[in-house]
Amino acid sequence: AEARQQFEEALALYRELANTDQVYLPYVAATLHNKGNLSRAENSNAEARLQYQETLDIRRGLAQTNPAAYMPIVAQTLLTFGLLNQAENRNAEARKHYEEALGIFRQFAALAPSTYQPRVEQLEQLIRELP
């Protein structure tokens, strides 16, 4: 309960700051993502789904202006969202998120294999395990 309250306070503050300066949008997204992880851990999957979707929307917007910095973060968000979908037996949605994340991580693995190849392998395994 205390962690949730702290995330809500931080999120309100970052949203207020982002309303006047877009430089705070990554903080909004990171806080939403972490709040989604907490919601998922508390089995509040519907809430986590909304938080991950908003995170993804913000990060996709950020990636339009700076893909090198934000596309790997978009891919990580897709991976996390896919894990939630898989846990809920939403396998088609999980596959869609995993495949998009895999495409992004493959592009970055070509440039920095030691950083991104483990994610490529993780996603390939997750996709193989889907029914």
C-alpha atoms as a PDB file:
ATOM      1  CA  ALA A   1       0.000   0.000   0.000  1.00  0.00           C
ATOM      2  CA  GLU A   2       2.833   2.365   0.830  1.00  0.00           C
ATOM      3  CA  ALA A   3       4.629   1.652  -2.459  1.00  0.00           C
ATOM      4  CA  ARG A   4       1.422   2.254  -4.420  1.00  0.00           C
ATOM      5  CA  GLN A   5       0.911   5.587  -2.658  1.00  0.00           C
ATOM      6  CA  GLN A   6       4.498   6.625  -3.413  1.00  0.00           C
ATOM      7  CA  PHE A   7       4.077   5.714  -7.105  1.00  0.00           C
ATOM      8  CA  GLU A   8       0.830   7.693  -7.253  1.00  0.00           C
ATOM      9  CA  GLU A   9       2.462  10.737  -5.672  1.00  0.00           C
ATOM     10  CA  ALA A  10       5.462  10.536  -7.990  1.00  0.00           C
ATOM     11  CA  LEU A  11       3.238  10.024 -11.014  1.00  0.00           C
ATOM     12  CA  ALA A  12       1.099  13.061 -10.135  1.00  0.00           C
ATOM     13  CA  LEU A  13       4.222  15.183  -9.734  1.00  0.00           C
ATOM     14  CA  TYR A  14       5.824  13.984 -12.983  1.00  0.00           C
ATOM     15  CA  ARG A  15       2.555  14.491 -14.910  1.00  0.00           C
ATOM     16  CA  GLU A  16       2.340  18.049 -13.609  1.00  0.00           C
ATOM     17  CA  LEU A  17       5.943  18.728 -14.606  1.00  0.00           C
ATOM     18  CA  ALA A  18       5.442  17.094 -18.027  1.00  0.00           C
ATOM     19  CA  ASN A  19       2.493  19.394 -18.686  1.00  0.00           C
ATOM     20  CA  THR A  20       4.916  22.323 -18.726  1.00  0.00           C
ATOM     21  CA  ASP A  21       8.071  20.572 -19.969  1.00  0.00           C
ATOM     22  CA  GLN A  22       8.081  17.433 -22.110  1.00  0.00           C
ATOM     23  CA  VAL A  23      11.517  16.521 -20.746  1.00  0.00           C
ATOM     24  CA  TYR A  24       9.639  14.871 -17.855  1.00  0.00           C
ATOM     25  CA  LEU A  25       7.696  12.432 -20.071  1.00  0.00           C
ATOM     26  CA  PRO A  26      10.297   9.653 -19.670  1.00  0.00           C
ATOM     27  CA  TYR A  27       9.809   9.907 -15.905  1.00  0.00           C
ATOM     28  CA  VAL A  28       6.042   9.643 -16.312  1.00  0.00           C
ATOM     29  CA  ALA A  29       6.542   6.536 -18.448  1.00  0.00           C
ATOM     30  CA  ALA A  30       9.050   4.941 -16.074  1.00  0.00           C
ATOM     31  CA  THR A  31       6.801   5.550 -13.080  1.00  0.00           C
ATOM     32  CA  LEU A  32       3.787   4.134 -14.931  1.00  0.00           C
ATOM     33  CA  HIS A  33       5.813   1.071 -15.938  1.00  0.00           C
ATOM     34  CA  ASN A  34       6.944   0.472 -12.375  1.00  0.00           C
ATOM     35  CA  LYS A  35       3.406   1.018 -11.093  1.00  0.00           C
ATOM     36  CA  GLY A  36       2.262  -1.544 -13.677  1.00  0.00           C
ATOM     37  CA  ASN A  37       4.819  -4.005 -12.346  1.00  0.00           C
ATOM     38  CA  LEU A  38       3.473  -3.448  -8.830  1.00  0.00           C
ATOM     39  CA  SER A  39      -0.113  -3.883 -10.036  1.00  0.00           C
ATOM     40  CA  ARG A  40       0.865  -7.117 -11.766  1.00  0.00           C
ATOM     41  CA  ALA A  41       2.610  -8.376  -8.618  1.00  0.00           C
ATOM     42  CA  GLU A  42      -0.584  -7.629  -6.679  1.00  0.00           C
ATOM     43  CA  ASN A  43      -2.680  -9.515  -9.287  1.00  0.00           C
ATOM     44  CA  SER A  44      -4.350  -6.289 -10.418  1.00  0.00           C
ATOM     45  CA  ASN A  45      -3.856  -7.253 -14.042  1.00  0.00           C
ATOM     46  CA  ALA A  46      -6.518  -4.955 -15.499  1.00  0.00           C
ATOM     47  CA  GLU A  47      -4.821  -2.004 -13.840  1.00  0.00           C
ATOM     48  CA  ALA A  48      -1.391  -3.203 -14.981  1.00  0.00           C
ATOM     49  CA  ARG A  49      -2.699  -3.493 -18.548  1.00  0.00           C
ATOM     50  CA  LEU A  50      -3.817   0.162 -18.530  1.00  0.00           C
ATOM     51  CA  GLN A  51      -0.522   1.298 -17.039  1.00  0.00           C
ATOM     52  CA  TYR A  52       1.557  -0.662 -19.554  1.00  0.00           C
ATOM     53  CA  GLN A  53      -0.551   0.656 -22.441  1.00  0.00           C
ATOM     54  CA  GLU A  54      -0.059   4.253 -21.368  1.00  0.00           C
ATOM     55  CA  THR A  55       3.653   3.589 -20.863  1.00  0.00           C
ATOM     56  CA  LEU A  56       3.875   2.130 -24.354  1.00  0.00           C
ATOM     57  CA  ASP A  57       2.020   5.090 -25.874  1.00  0.00           C
ATOM     58  CA  ILE A  58       4.340   7.604 -24.218  1.00  0.00           C
ATOM     59  CA  ARG A  59       7.489   5.688 -25.121  1.00  0.00           C
ATOM     60  CA  ARG A  60       6.404   5.252 -28.744  1.00  0.00           C
ATOM     61  CA  GLY A  61       5.936   9.024 -28.904  1.00  0.00           C
ATOM     62  CA  LEU A  62       9.386   9.602 -27.451  1.00  0.00           C
ATOM     63  CA  ALA A  63      10.880   7.114 -29.927  1.00  0.00           C
ATOM     64  CA  GLN A  64       9.550   9.131 -32.847  1.00  0.00           C
ATOM     65  CA  THR A  65      11.924  11.957 -31.996  1.00  0.00           C
ATOM     66  CA  ASN A  66      14.824   9.874 -30.640  1.00  0.00           C
ATOM     67  CA  PRO A  67      14.636   6.253 -31.837  1.00  0.00           C
ATOM     68  CA  ALA A  68      18.171   5.325 -30.803  1.00  0.00           C
ATOM     69  CA  ALA A  69      17.428   6.228 -27.199  1.00  0.00           C
ATOM     70  CA  TYR A  70      13.848   5.033 -26.904  1.00  0.00           C
ATOM     71  CA  MET A  71      13.238   2.082 -29.229  1.00  0.00           C
ATOM     72  CA  PRO A  72      15.002  -0.382 -26.890  1.00  0.00           C
ATOM     73  CA  ILE A  73      12.804   0.949 -24.065  1.00  0.00           C
ATOM     74  CA  VAL A  74       9.736   0.496 -26.281  1.00  0.00           C
ATOM     75  CA  ALA A  75      10.880  -3.083 -26.868  1.00  0.00           C
ATOM     76  CA  GLN A  76      11.314  -3.700 -23.134  1.00  0.00           C
ATOM     77  CA  THR A  77       7.816  -2.354 -22.520  1.00  0.00           C
ATOM     78  CA  LEU A  78       6.459  -4.675 -25.220  1.00  0.00           C
ATOM     79  CA  LEU A  79       8.240  -7.605 -23.567  1.00  0.00           C
ATOM     80  CA  THR A  80       6.750  -6.758 -20.172  1.00  0.00           C
ATOM     81  CA  PHE A  81       3.293  -6.302 -21.704  1.00  0.00           C
ATOM     82  CA  GLY A  82       3.711  -9.639 -23.486  1.00  0.00           C
ATOM     83  CA  LEU A  83       4.517 -11.376 -20.215  1.00  0.00           C
ATOM     84  CA  LEU A  84       1.298 -10.019 -18.721  1.00  0.00           C
ATOM     85  CA  ASN A  85      -0.657 -11.196 -21.754  1.00  0.00           C
ATOM     86  CA  GLN A  86       0.915 -14.645 -21.581  1.00  0.00           C
ATOM     87  CA  ALA A  87       0.130 -14.929 -17.871  1.00  0.00           C
ATOM     88  CA  GLU A  88      -3.512 -14.200 -18.722  1.00  0.00           C
ATOM     89  CA  ASN A  89      -3.534 -16.713 -21.604  1.00  0.00           C
ATOM     90  CA  ARG A  90      -3.909 -13.898 -24.125  1.00  0.00           C
ATOM     91  CA  ASN A  91      -1.479 -15.706 -26.357  1.00  0.00           C
ATOM     92  CA  ALA A  92      -2.254 -13.879 -29.611  1.00  0.00           C
ATOM     93  CA  GLU A  93      -1.625 -10.533 -27.914  1.00  0.00           C
ATOM     94  CA  ALA A  94       1.503 -11.892 -26.233  1.00  0.00           C
ATOM     95  CA  ARG A  95       2.826 -13.115 -29.589  1.00  0.00           C
ATOM     96  CA  LYS A  96       2.146  -9.728 -31.194  1.00  0.00           C
ATOM     97  CA  HIS A  97       4.015  -7.882 -28.432  1.00  0.00           C
ATOM     98  CA  TYR A  98       6.871 -10.401 -28.378  1.00  0.00           C
ATOM     99  CA  GLU A  99       7.336 -10.316 -32.149  1.00  0.00           C
ATOM    100  CA  GLU A 100       7.420  -6.545 -32.271  1.00  0.00           C
ATOM    101  CA  ALA A 101       9.923  -6.450 -29.387  1.00  0.00           C
ATOM    102  CA  LEU A 102      12.013  -9.133 -31.082  1.00  0.00           C
ATOM    103  CA  GLY A 103      12.227  -7.100 -34.287  1.00  0.00           C
ATOM    104  CA  ILE A 104      13.428  -4.065 -32.380  1.00  0.00           C
ATOM    105  CA  PHE A 105      15.953  -5.981 -30.271  1.00  0.00           C
ATOM    106  CA  ARG A 106      17.326  -7.733 -33.362  1.00  0.00           C
ATOM    107  CA  GLN A 107      18.060  -4.365 -34.967  1.00  0.00           C
ATOM    108  CA  PHE A 108      19.891  -3.185 -31.880  1.00  0.00           C
ATOM    109  CA  ALA A 109      21.673  -6.523 -31.374  1.00  0.00           C
ATOM    110  CA  ALA A 110      23.307  -6.012 -34.769  1.00  0.00           C
ATOM    111  CA  LEU A 111      24.926  -2.875 -33.334  1.00  0.00           C
ATOM    112  CA  ALA A 112      25.502  -3.964 -29.733  1.00  0.00           C
ATOM    113  CA  PRO A 113      25.261  -7.766 -29.447  1.00  0.00           C
ATOM    114  CA  SER A 114      26.459  -8.047 -25.851  1.00  0.00           C
ATOM    115  CA  THR A 115      23.705  -5.685 -24.728  1.00  0.00           C
ATOM    116  CA  TYR A 116      20.752  -6.864 -26.824  1.00  0.00           C
ATOM    117  CA  GLN A 117      21.391 -10.460 -27.915  1.00  0.00           C
ATOM    118  CA  PRO A 118      20.244 -11.872 -24.544  1.00  0.00           C
ATOM    119  CA  ARG A 119      16.870 -10.176 -25.074  1.00  0.00           C
ATOM    120  CA  VAL A 120      16.673 -11.603 -28.605  1.00  0.00           C
ATOM    121  CA  GLU A 121      17.260 -15.091 -27.227  1.00  0.00           C
ATOM    122  CA  GLN A 122      14.764 -14.574 -24.392  1.00  0.00           C
ATOM    123  CA  LEU A 123      12.062 -13.465 -26.828  1.00  0.00           C
ATOM    124  CA  GLU A 124      12.758 -16.285 -29.259  1.00  0.00           C
ATOM    125  CA  GLN A 125      12.314 -18.733 -26.365  1.00  0.00           C
ATOM    126  CA  LEU A 126       9.102 -17.056 -25.181  1.00  0.00           C
ATOM    127  CA  ILE A 127       7.659 -17.188 -28.698  1.00  0.00           C
ATOM    128  CA  ARG A 128       8.572 -20.878 -29.054  1.00  0.00           C
ATOM    129  CA  GLU A 129       6.791 -21.650 -25.770  1.00  0.00           C
ATOM    130  CA  LEU A 130       3.523 -20.032 -26.800  1.00  0.00           C
ATOM    131  CA  PRO A 131       0.781 -22.445 -27.873  1.00  0.00           C
END
